[in-house]
């Protein structure tokens, strides 16, 4: 997907993918690595628009910050 995106859109899509990667690490009992991935995800999400193709990017940002602070990955809907 992100190979067909350019510029700011590509960064945004990479950020969303990194959040998914964080949960993949959790499934492998590597939650600390997953939590660390959230920092990279937030950098990529940056100040992108709040909605992207009906995906609530603001919610992803908010939940990522909450999970970082709690040091615990918690599944949520986007």
N, C-alpha and C. Protein backbone atom coordinates (compact mmCIF):
# COMPACT_ATOMS: atom_id res chain seq x y z
N UNK A 1 0.83 -1.19 0.00
CA UNK A 1 0.00 0.00 0.00
C UNK A 1 0.87 1.25 0.00
N UNK A 2 1.82 1.34 0.94
CA UNK A 2 2.56 2.59 1.06
C UNK A 2 3.50 2.81 -0.11
N UNK A 3 3.83 1.78 -0.88
CA UNK A 3 4.67 1.96 -2.06
C UNK A 3 3.99 2.82 -3.11
N UNK A 4 2.67 2.88 -3.09
CA UNK A 4 1.92 3.68 -4.06
C UNK A 4 1.57 5.06 -3.52
N UNK A 5 2.09 5.41 -2.35
CA UNK A 5 1.84 6.71 -1.74
C UNK A 5 3.11 7.55 -1.84
N UNK A 6 2.93 8.86 -1.79
CA UNK A 6 4.08 9.76 -1.90
C UNK A 6 3.98 10.87 -0.86
N UNK A 7 5.15 11.40 -0.49
CA UNK A 7 5.20 12.56 0.39
C UNK A 7 4.56 12.31 1.75
N UNK A 8 3.77 13.29 2.17
CA UNK A 8 3.15 13.26 3.49
C UNK A 8 2.22 12.06 3.64
N UNK A 9 1.53 11.69 2.57
CA UNK A 9 0.63 10.54 2.62
C UNK A 9 1.41 9.26 2.94
N UNK A 10 2.59 9.13 2.36
CA UNK A 10 3.41 7.94 2.60
C UNK A 10 3.82 7.86 4.07
N UNK A 11 4.20 8.98 4.65
CA UNK A 11 4.56 9.03 6.07
C UNK A 11 3.38 8.60 6.93
N UNK A 12 2.21 9.09 6.61
CA UNK A 12 1.00 8.76 7.37
C UNK A 12 0.72 7.26 7.31
N UNK A 13 0.76 6.69 6.13
CA UNK A 13 0.49 5.26 5.96
C UNK A 13 1.55 4.44 6.70
N UNK A 14 2.80 4.86 6.64
CA UNK A 14 3.86 4.15 7.38
C UNK A 14 3.58 4.20 8.88
N UNK A 15 3.09 5.32 9.37
CA UNK A 15 2.75 5.44 10.79
C UNK A 15 1.66 4.46 11.20
N UNK A 16 0.64 4.34 10.38
CA UNK A 16 -0.44 3.39 10.66
C UNK A 16 0.10 1.96 10.65
N UNK A 17 0.96 1.66 9.70
CA UNK A 17 1.56 0.33 9.62
C UNK A 17 2.40 0.04 10.87
N UNK A 18 3.13 1.03 11.35
CA UNK A 18 3.97 0.84 12.53
C UNK A 18 3.14 0.53 13.77
N UNK A 19 1.95 1.10 13.87
CA UNK A 19 1.06 0.76 14.99
C UNK A 19 0.68 -0.72 14.90
N UNK A 20 0.38 -1.17 13.70
CA UNK A 20 0.06 -2.59 13.51
C UNK A 20 1.26 -3.47 13.87
N UNK A 21 2.45 -3.03 13.51
CA UNK A 21 3.67 -3.79 13.83
C UNK A 21 3.85 -3.88 15.34
N UNK A 22 3.49 -2.82 16.06
CA UNK A 22 3.59 -2.84 17.52
C UNK A 22 2.76 -3.99 18.08
N UNK A 23 1.56 -4.17 17.55
CA UNK A 23 0.70 -5.26 18.03
C UNK A 23 1.22 -6.63 17.59
N UNK A 24 1.88 -6.69 16.46
CA UNK A 24 2.49 -7.95 16.03
C UNK A 24 3.58 -8.36 17.02
N UNK A 25 4.34 -7.38 17.51
CA UNK A 25 5.36 -7.67 18.52
C UNK A 25 4.72 -8.16 19.81
N UNK A 26 3.58 -7.59 20.17
CA UNK A 26 2.87 -8.03 21.37
C UNK A 26 2.49 -9.51 21.25
N UNK A 27 2.05 -9.91 20.08
CA UNK A 27 1.66 -11.30 19.86
C UNK A 27 2.84 -12.25 20.02
N UNK A 28 4.04 -11.74 19.82
CA UNK A 28 5.26 -12.55 19.97
C UNK A 28 5.86 -12.39 21.37
N UNK A 29 5.05 -11.90 22.31
CA UNK A 29 5.50 -11.66 23.69
C UNK A 29 6.66 -10.68 23.76
N UNK A 30 6.65 -9.69 22.88
CA UNK A 30 7.67 -8.65 22.84
C UNK A 30 6.99 -7.28 23.00
N UNK A 31 6.20 -7.17 24.06
CA UNK A 31 5.41 -5.95 24.25
C UNK A 31 6.28 -4.71 24.38
N UNK A 32 7.43 -4.82 25.05
CA UNK A 32 8.30 -3.65 25.19
C UNK A 32 8.77 -3.13 23.84
N UNK A 33 9.07 -4.04 22.93
CA UNK A 33 9.47 -3.63 21.58
C UNK A 33 8.29 -2.94 20.90
N UNK A 34 7.11 -3.51 21.07
CA UNK A 34 5.91 -2.92 20.50
C UNK A 34 5.65 -1.51 21.01
N UNK A 35 5.83 -1.32 22.29
CA UNK A 35 5.63 0.01 22.87
C UNK A 35 6.66 0.97 22.28
N UNK A 36 7.88 0.51 22.10
CA UNK A 36 8.90 1.34 21.48
C UNK A 36 8.55 1.73 20.05
N UNK A 37 7.87 0.84 19.34
CA UNK A 37 7.45 1.13 17.96
C UNK A 37 6.48 2.30 17.91
N UNK A 38 5.75 2.52 18.99
CA UNK A 38 4.77 3.60 18.99
C UNK A 38 5.42 4.97 18.82
N UNK A 39 6.63 5.15 19.34
CA UNK A 39 7.34 6.42 19.16
C UNK A 39 7.59 6.68 17.68
N UNK A 40 8.05 5.65 16.99
CA UNK A 40 8.29 5.79 15.55
C UNK A 40 6.99 6.05 14.81
N UNK A 41 5.93 5.36 15.24
CA UNK A 41 4.63 5.55 14.60
C UNK A 41 4.15 6.99 14.77
N UNK A 42 4.29 7.52 15.97
CA UNK A 42 3.84 8.90 16.22
C UNK A 42 4.65 9.91 15.42
N UNK A 43 5.94 9.65 15.25
CA UNK A 43 6.76 10.53 14.41
C UNK A 43 6.22 10.55 12.98
N UNK A 44 5.90 9.37 12.46
CA UNK A 44 5.40 9.28 11.09
C UNK A 44 4.01 9.91 10.96
N UNK A 45 3.17 9.71 11.98
CA UNK A 45 1.82 10.29 11.92
C UNK A 45 1.89 11.81 11.99
N UNK A 46 2.86 12.33 12.75
CA UNK A 46 3.08 13.76 12.83
C UNK A 46 1.81 14.56 13.00
N UNK A 47 1.69 15.60 12.22
CA UNK A 47 0.52 16.47 12.29
C UNK A 47 -0.37 16.25 11.07
N UNK A 48 -0.46 15.02 10.65
CA UNK A 48 -1.27 14.68 9.48
C UNK A 48 -2.75 14.96 9.76
N UNK A 49 -3.57 15.00 8.73
CA UNK A 49 -4.99 15.27 8.91
C UNK A 49 -5.63 14.30 9.90
N UNK A 50 -6.71 14.74 10.53
CA UNK A 50 -7.35 13.91 11.56
C UNK A 50 -8.06 12.70 10.98
N UNK A 51 -8.46 12.75 9.72
CA UNK A 51 -9.14 11.63 9.07
C UNK A 51 -8.41 11.32 7.76
N UNK A 52 -8.18 10.04 7.51
CA UNK A 52 -7.55 9.61 6.26
C UNK A 52 -8.35 8.42 5.74
N UNK A 53 -9.03 8.60 4.63
CA UNK A 53 -9.86 7.54 4.04
C UNK A 53 -10.72 6.85 5.10
N UNK A 54 -11.42 7.61 5.87
CA UNK A 54 -12.33 7.17 6.95
C UNK A 54 -11.60 6.55 8.15
N UNK A 55 -10.28 6.63 8.20
CA UNK A 55 -9.51 6.17 9.36
C UNK A 55 -9.31 7.37 10.29
N UNK A 56 -9.67 7.20 11.55
CA UNK A 56 -9.56 8.28 12.54
C UNK A 56 -8.11 8.36 13.04
N UNK A 57 -7.32 9.18 12.37
CA UNK A 57 -5.89 9.30 12.69
C UNK A 57 -5.70 9.93 14.07
N UNK A 58 -6.56 10.88 14.43
CA UNK A 58 -6.46 11.49 15.76
C UNK A 58 -6.63 10.43 16.84
N UNK A 59 -7.54 9.50 16.64
CA UNK A 59 -7.75 8.42 17.62
C UNK A 59 -6.51 7.53 17.71
N UNK A 60 -5.90 7.23 16.58
CA UNK A 60 -4.67 6.42 16.59
C UNK A 60 -3.58 7.14 17.38
N UNK A 61 -3.43 8.45 17.12
CA UNK A 61 -2.43 9.24 17.85
C UNK A 61 -2.71 9.21 19.36
N UNK A 62 -3.97 9.49 19.71
CA UNK A 62 -4.36 9.55 21.13
C UNK A 62 -4.12 8.20 21.81
N UNK A 63 -4.56 7.12 21.20
CA UNK A 63 -4.40 5.80 21.79
C UNK A 63 -2.93 5.41 21.88
N UNK A 64 -2.14 5.78 20.89
CA UNK A 64 -0.70 5.47 20.91
C UNK A 64 -0.02 6.17 22.08
N UNK A 65 -0.38 7.42 22.31
CA UNK A 65 0.19 8.17 23.44
C UNK A 65 -0.24 7.54 24.76
N UNK A 66 -1.51 7.19 24.87
CA UNK A 66 -2.01 6.55 26.10
C UNK A 66 -1.28 5.24 26.37
N UNK A 67 -1.07 4.44 25.33
CA UNK A 67 -0.39 3.16 25.52
C UNK A 67 1.07 3.36 25.91
N UNK A 68 1.71 4.37 25.34
CA UNK A 68 3.10 4.67 25.72
C UNK A 68 3.17 5.02 27.20
N UNK A 69 2.27 5.89 27.63
CA UNK A 69 2.28 6.33 29.02
C UNK A 69 1.99 5.18 29.98
N UNK A 70 1.07 4.29 29.59
CA UNK A 70 0.72 3.14 30.43
C UNK A 70 1.72 2.00 30.29
N UNK A 71 2.58 2.09 29.26
CA UNK A 71 3.54 1.01 28.95
C UNK A 71 2.82 -0.32 28.76
N UNK A 72 1.66 -0.24 28.09
CA UNK A 72 0.86 -1.44 27.83
C UNK A 72 0.09 -1.25 26.53
N UNK A 73 0.19 -2.23 25.65
CA UNK A 73 -0.55 -2.20 24.39
C UNK A 73 -1.97 -2.71 24.63
N UNK A 74 -2.94 -1.93 24.18
CA UNK A 74 -4.34 -2.26 24.34
C UNK A 74 -5.02 -2.12 22.99
N UNK A 75 -5.66 -3.17 22.54
CA UNK A 75 -6.33 -3.12 21.23
C UNK A 75 -7.46 -2.11 21.25
N UNK A 76 -7.64 -1.48 20.09
CA UNK A 76 -8.71 -0.50 19.94
C UNK A 76 -9.16 -0.50 18.49
N UNK A 77 -10.35 0.03 18.26
CA UNK A 77 -10.89 0.12 16.89
C UNK A 77 -10.50 1.45 16.28
N UNK A 78 -10.29 1.41 14.95
CA UNK A 78 -10.03 2.66 14.25
C UNK A 78 -11.14 2.95 13.27
